[in-house]
Amino acid sequence: MKQQIENSRRQLGELAAMAKQTEDMERKILARAEELLSDIDEQISDARVAAISGDDAAKQRYSDMIEERGRLHQVIASSRAAIGTV
């Protein structure tokens, strides 16, 4: 019985360490996604102007940036939910 209690305590300690590592990684993901979102937001207005007056490549670049911005919003929301800062 004593051995089972010690095993349970050890496993709980390992789980706590893994939970901390997961939260730390989610925070890094969140920070990087917010950084990338800031970069995309800065570039989107110029890309919009180029898409309106430009060729198909400029339109595709703008469309790709809008899609990337959407993905980044999803990553940010997911990370915030995971670490409880919604």
N, C-alpha and C. Protein backbone atom coordinates (compact mmCIF):
# COMPACT_ATOMS: atom_id res chain seq x y z
N MET A 1 0.83 -1.20 0.00
CA MET A 1 0.00 0.00 0.00
C MET A 1 0.87 1.26 0.00
N LYS A 2 1.92 1.23 0.81
CA LYS A 2 2.80 2.39 0.89
C LYS A 2 3.48 2.63 -0.46
N GLN A 3 3.84 1.56 -1.15
CA GLN A 3 4.48 1.68 -2.46
C GLN A 3 3.51 2.31 -3.48
N GLN A 4 2.26 1.95 -3.42
CA GLN A 4 1.26 2.52 -4.33
C GLN A 4 1.08 4.02 -4.08
N ILE A 5 1.11 4.41 -2.82
CA ILE A 5 0.99 5.83 -2.49
C ILE A 5 2.19 6.60 -3.03
N GLU A 6 3.37 6.04 -2.88
CA GLU A 6 4.58 6.70 -3.39
C GLU A 6 4.55 6.78 -4.91
N ASN A 7 4.09 5.72 -5.55
CA ASN A 7 3.98 5.74 -7.02
C ASN A 7 2.98 6.81 -7.47
N SER A 8 1.87 6.92 -6.77
CA SER A 8 0.87 7.92 -7.10
C SER A 8 1.42 9.33 -6.93
N ARG A 9 2.15 9.56 -5.88
CA ARG A 9 2.76 10.88 -5.64
C ARG A 9 3.77 11.22 -6.72
N ARG A 10 4.57 10.22 -7.09
CA ARG A 10 5.58 10.43 -8.13
C ARG A 10 4.88 10.76 -9.46
N GLN A 11 3.84 10.02 -9.79
CA GLN A 11 3.11 10.27 -11.03
C GLN A 11 2.44 11.64 -11.02
N LEU A 12 1.89 12.02 -9.88
CA LEU A 12 1.28 13.36 -9.78
C LEU A 12 2.33 14.45 -9.98
N GLY A 13 3.51 14.24 -9.44
CA GLY A 13 4.60 15.20 -9.64
C GLY A 13 5.00 15.30 -11.10
N GLU A 14 5.07 14.16 -11.77
CA GLU A 14 5.41 14.15 -13.19
C GLU A 14 4.32 14.85 -14.01
N LEU A 15 3.07 14.59 -13.68
CA LEU A 15 1.96 15.25 -14.38
C LEU A 15 1.99 16.76 -14.18
N ALA A 16 2.30 17.19 -12.97
CA ALA A 16 2.39 18.62 -12.70
C ALA A 16 3.51 19.26 -13.52
N ALA A 17 4.64 18.56 -13.63
CA ALA A 17 5.76 19.08 -14.42
C ALA A 17 5.38 19.16 -15.90
N MET A 18 4.68 18.15 -16.40
CA MET A 18 4.26 18.15 -17.79
C MET A 18 3.23 19.25 -18.05
N ALA A 19 2.34 19.49 -17.10
CA ALA A 19 1.36 20.55 -17.25
C ALA A 19 2.04 21.91 -17.32
N LYS A 20 3.06 22.10 -16.52
CA LYS A 20 3.81 23.36 -16.53
C LYS A 20 4.53 23.55 -17.87
N GLN A 21 5.13 22.47 -18.37
CA GLN A 21 5.82 22.55 -19.66
C GLN A 21 4.83 22.88 -20.78
N THR A 22 3.65 22.27 -20.72
CA THR A 22 2.63 22.52 -21.73
C THR A 22 2.18 23.98 -21.68
N GLU A 23 1.95 24.48 -20.48
CA GLU A 23 1.53 25.88 -20.35
C GLU A 23 2.62 26.83 -20.85
N ASP A 24 3.87 26.54 -20.52
CA ASP A 24 4.98 27.38 -20.99
C ASP A 24 5.04 27.39 -22.52
N MET A 25 4.83 26.22 -23.13
CA MET A 25 4.87 26.14 -24.59
C MET A 25 3.69 26.89 -25.20
N GLU A 26 2.52 26.78 -24.60
CA GLU A 26 1.36 27.53 -25.09
C GLU A 26 1.62 29.03 -25.02
N ARG A 27 2.27 29.47 -23.97
CA ARG A 27 2.60 30.90 -23.85
C ARG A 27 3.57 31.34 -24.95
N LYS A 28 4.53 30.47 -25.29
CA LYS A 28 5.46 30.79 -26.37
C LYS A 28 4.74 30.83 -27.72
N ILE A 29 3.84 29.87 -27.92
CA ILE A 29 3.05 29.86 -29.16
C ILE A 29 2.21 31.12 -29.26
N LEU A 30 1.57 31.49 -28.16
CA LEU A 30 0.75 32.69 -28.13
C LEU A 30 1.57 33.94 -28.45
N ALA A 31 2.72 34.06 -27.83
CA ALA A 31 3.57 35.24 -28.06
C ALA A 31 4.01 35.31 -29.52
N ARG A 32 4.41 34.18 -30.09
CA ARG A 32 4.88 34.17 -31.48
C ARG A 32 3.72 34.47 -32.44
N ALA A 33 2.55 33.90 -32.17
CA ALA A 33 1.40 34.15 -33.04
C ALA A 33 0.99 35.61 -32.99
N GLU A 34 1.03 36.22 -31.81
CA GLU A 34 0.71 37.65 -31.70
C GLU A 34 1.73 38.50 -32.43
N GLU A 35 2.97 38.10 -32.38
CA GLU A 35 4.04 38.81 -33.09
C GLU A 35 3.81 38.73 -34.61
N LEU A 36 3.51 37.52 -35.09
CA LEU A 36 3.25 37.35 -36.52
C LEU A 36 2.00 38.10 -36.96
N LEU A 37 0.98 38.10 -36.11
CA LEU A 37 -0.24 38.84 -36.43
C LEU A 37 0.04 40.33 -36.56
N SER A 38 0.85 40.85 -35.69
CA SER A 38 1.22 42.26 -35.77
C SER A 38 1.92 42.56 -37.10
N ASP A 39 2.82 41.67 -37.50
CA ASP A 39 3.53 41.85 -38.78
C ASP A 39 2.55 41.82 -39.96
N ILE A 40 1.65 40.84 -39.94
CA ILE A 40 0.67 40.71 -41.03
C ILE A 40 -0.24 41.94 -41.08
N ASP A 41 -0.68 42.39 -39.91
CA ASP A 41 -1.56 43.56 -39.87
C ASP A 41 -0.88 44.79 -40.46
N GLU A 42 0.41 44.92 -40.24
CA GLU A 42 1.15 46.06 -40.79
C GLU A 42 1.24 45.98 -42.32
N GLN A 43 1.33 44.77 -42.84
CA GLN A 43 1.52 44.58 -44.28
C GLN A 43 0.21 44.55 -45.07
N ILE A 44 -0.88 44.25 -44.39
CA ILE A 44 -2.16 44.05 -45.10
C ILE A 44 -2.66 45.31 -45.80
N SER A 45 -2.53 46.46 -45.18
CA SER A 45 -3.07 47.67 -45.83
C SER A 45 -2.34 47.97 -47.13
N ASP A 46 -1.03 47.80 -47.14
CA ASP A 46 -0.27 48.00 -48.38
C ASP A 46 -0.65 46.95 -49.42
N ALA A 47 -0.84 45.72 -48.96
CA ALA A 47 -1.21 44.64 -49.88
C ALA A 47 -2.61 44.87 -50.45
N ARG A 48 -3.49 45.46 -49.65
CA ARG A 48 -4.86 45.76 -50.12
C ARG A 48 -4.80 46.76 -51.28
N VAL A 49 -4.03 47.81 -51.10
CA VAL A 49 -3.89 48.82 -52.15
C VAL A 49 -3.30 48.20 -53.41
N ALA A 50 -2.29 47.37 -53.23
CA ALA A 50 -1.66 46.71 -54.38
C ALA A 50 -2.64 45.76 -55.07
N ALA A 51 -3.48 45.10 -54.29
CA ALA A 51 -4.44 44.16 -54.87
C ALA A 51 -5.51 44.89 -55.67
N ILE A 52 -5.93 46.04 -55.19
CA ILE A 52 -6.96 46.80 -55.89
C ILE A 52 -6.44 47.30 -57.23
N SER A 53 -5.23 47.77 -57.23
CA SER A 53 -4.70 48.37 -58.46
C SER A 53 -3.70 47.46 -59.18
N GLY A 54 -3.49 46.25 -58.65
CA GLY A 54 -2.45 45.41 -59.21
C GLY A 54 -2.94 44.24 -60.02
N ASP A 55 -2.00 43.36 -60.27
CA ASP A 55 -2.28 42.18 -61.08
C ASP A 55 -2.78 41.01 -60.22
N ASP A 56 -2.92 39.87 -60.85
CA ASP A 56 -3.42 38.68 -60.14
C ASP A 56 -2.49 38.24 -59.02
N ALA A 57 -1.20 38.40 -59.19
CA ALA A 57 -0.24 38.01 -58.15
C ALA A 57 -0.44 38.86 -56.90
N ALA A 58 -0.68 40.14 -57.07
CA ALA A 58 -0.92 41.03 -55.93
C ALA A 58 -2.23 40.67 -55.24
N LYS A 59 -3.23 40.31 -56.02
CA LYS A 59 -4.52 39.90 -55.44
C LYS A 59 -4.36 38.60 -54.65
N GLN A 60 -3.58 37.67 -55.20
CA GLN A 60 -3.35 36.40 -54.51
C GLN A 60 -2.55 36.62 -53.23
N ARG A 61 -1.58 37.51 -53.27
CA ARG A 61 -0.78 37.80 -52.07
C ARG A 61 -1.67 38.37 -50.96
N TYR A 62 -2.55 39.27 -51.33
CA TYR A 62 -3.49 39.85 -50.36
C TYR A 62 -4.41 38.78 -49.79
N SER A 63 -4.94 37.94 -50.65
CA SER A 63 -5.81 36.85 -50.21
C SER A 63 -5.07 35.90 -49.26
N ASP A 64 -3.84 35.58 -49.60
CA ASP A 64 -3.03 34.70 -48.73
C ASP A 64 -2.80 35.34 -47.36
N MET A 65 -2.58 36.64 -47.34
CA MET A 65 -2.35 37.33 -46.08
C MET A 65 -3.62 37.34 -45.22
N ILE A 66 -4.77 37.50 -45.85
CA ILE A 66 -6.04 37.46 -45.11
C ILE A 66 -6.25 36.08 -44.50
N GLU A 67 -5.95 35.04 -45.28
CA GLU A 67 -6.07 33.68 -44.77
C GLU A 67 -5.12 33.43 -43.60
N GLU A 68 -3.90 33.91 -43.74
CA GLU A 68 -2.91 33.75 -42.67
C GLU A 68 -3.35 34.49 -41.40
N ARG A 69 -3.91 35.67 -41.58
CA ARG A 69 -4.42 36.42 -40.43
C ARG A 69 -5.52 35.62 -39.72
N GLY A 70 -6.38 34.99 -40.47
CA GLY A 70 -7.43 34.16 -39.88
C GLY A 70 -6.87 32.98 -39.12
N ARG A 71 -5.87 32.32 -39.68
CA ARG A 71 -5.23 31.20 -38.98
C ARG A 71 -4.56 31.66 -37.69
N LEU A 72 -3.93 32.81 -37.75
CA LEU A 72 -3.27 33.33 -36.54
C LEU A 72 -4.30 33.67 -35.46
N HIS A 73 -5.43 34.21 -35.85
CA HIS A 73 -6.49 34.47 -34.87
C HIS A 73 -6.96 33.17 -34.22
N GLN A 74 -7.05 32.10 -35.00
CA GLN A 74 -7.45 30.80 -34.45
C GLN A 74 -6.40 30.27 -33.48
N VAL A 75 -5.13 30.37 -33.83
CA VAL A 75 -4.05 29.91 -32.96
C VAL A 75 -4.04 30.69 -31.66
N ILE A 76 -4.22 31.99 -31.77
CA ILE A 76 -4.24 32.85 -30.58
C ILE A 76 -5.40 32.48 -29.67
N ALA A 77 -6.58 32.30 -30.25
CA ALA A 77 -7.75 31.93 -29.45
C ALA A 77 -7.54 30.58 -28.77
N SER A 78 -6.98 29.63 -29.50
CA SER A 78 -6.74 28.31 -28.94
C SER A 78 -5.72 28.36 -27.81
N SER A 79 -4.65 29.11 -27.98
CA SER A 79 -3.63 29.22 -26.94
C SER A 79 -4.18 29.92 -25.71
N ARG A 80 -4.94 30.97 -25.93
CA ARG A 80 -5.53 31.67 -24.78
C ARG A 80 -6.49 30.77 -24.02
N ALA A 81 -7.25 29.97 -24.72
CA ALA A 81 -8.18 29.05 -24.07
C ALA A 81 -7.40 27.99 -23.28
N ALA A 82 -6.29 27.54 -23.84
CA ALA A 82 -5.49 26.49 -23.18
C ALA A 82 -4.85 26.99 -21.89
N ILE A 83 -4.45 28.26 -21.87
CA ILE A 83 -3.80 28.77 -20.66
C ILE A 83 -4.77 29.56 -19.78
N GLY A 84 -6.00 29.69 -20.24
CA GLY A 84 -7.02 30.31 -19.40
C GLY A 84 -6.99 31.81 -19.36
N THR A 85 -6.57 32.46 -20.46
CA THR A 85 -6.55 33.93 -20.49
C THR A 85 -7.48 34.44 -21.57
N VAL A 86 -8.64 33.87 -21.66
CA VAL A 86 -9.60 34.25 -22.71
C VAL A 86 -10.17 35.57 -22.44
